[in-house]
Amino acid sequence: MAPADLLDARSWAKSPVPALTGDPLHDPNWHTRAQKLGWKPDGTPDFGVPVADTVREGA
């Protein structure tokens, strides 16, 4: 796959379904987190397996 210019609107395609659902910033049952993601061969994000819910000591 050739590199795309992410600032060019022609490099983007709208998905028919949401990639993310809910609003974790306004839902007390959700927690915002970040983790690495990859890319599928078709160029869509591969979110992989969510990281486990853990609490770090001293956090």
Protein backbone atom coordinates (compact mmCIF):
# COMPACT_ATOMS: atom_id res chain seq x y z
CA MET A 1 0.00 0.00 0.00
CA ALA A 2 1.38 3.40 -0.95
CA PRO A 3 1.66 6.04 1.77
CA ALA A 4 -1.30 8.40 1.92
CA ASP A 5 -1.42 12.13 2.54
CA LEU A 6 -3.63 12.25 5.64
CA LEU A 7 -4.24 15.97 5.11
CA ASP A 8 -5.84 15.25 1.73
CA ALA A 9 -9.59 14.56 2.04
CA ARG A 10 -9.35 12.12 -0.90
CA SER A 11 -7.22 9.83 1.32
CA TRP A 12 -10.20 9.19 3.61
CA ALA A 13 -13.25 6.95 3.23
CA LYS A 14 -16.23 7.03 5.60
CA SER A 15 -17.05 3.69 7.21
CA PRO A 16 -20.70 2.62 7.14
CA VAL A 17 -20.44 1.64 10.83
CA PRO A 18 -18.79 3.49 13.76
CA ALA A 19 -15.27 2.41 14.66
CA LEU A 20 -15.89 3.40 18.28
CA THR A 21 -19.15 3.41 20.23
CA GLY A 22 -20.34 5.13 23.38
CA ASP A 23 -18.87 8.16 25.09
CA PRO A 24 -16.39 7.01 27.76
CA LEU A 25 -15.84 10.57 28.97
CA HIS A 26 -19.49 10.91 30.00
CA ASP A 27 -20.23 7.32 31.13
CA PRO A 28 -19.13 6.54 34.70
CA ASN A 29 -18.97 2.83 33.86
CA TRP A 30 -16.30 3.37 31.19
CA HIS A 31 -12.68 4.38 31.58
CA THR A 32 -10.64 6.16 28.95
CA ARG A 33 -7.46 4.34 28.02
CA ALA A 34 -4.93 4.18 25.23
CA GLN A 35 -3.16 1.29 23.61
CA LYS A 36 -1.26 0.54 20.44
CA LEU A 37 -3.24 -0.40 17.36
CA GLY A 38 -2.32 -1.81 14.00
CA TRP A 39 -3.71 -1.67 10.50
CA LYS A 40 -5.51 -4.35 8.52
CA PRO A 41 -4.47 -5.03 4.90
CA ASP A 42 -7.52 -3.06 3.68
CA GLY A 43 -6.30 0.05 5.54
CA THR A 44 -8.83 -0.05 8.38
CA PRO A 45 -7.71 0.08 12.02
CA ASP A 46 -7.09 -3.19 13.86
CA PHE A 47 -7.85 -2.45 17.52
CA GLY A 48 -6.71 -5.91 18.62
CA VAL A 49 -7.56 -7.25 22.06
CA PRO A 50 -8.32 -4.57 24.69
CA VAL A 51 -5.77 -4.28 27.46
CA ALA A 52 -6.85 -5.70 30.82
CA ASP A 53 -8.36 -3.48 33.50
CA THR A 54 -5.57 -3.05 36.04
CA VAL A 55 -4.62 -0.49 38.63
CA ARG A 56 -0.95 0.38 38.99
CA GLU A 57 0.47 0.66 42.50
CA GLY A 58 0.95 4.28 43.48
CA ALA A 59 -1.37 5.55 40.75
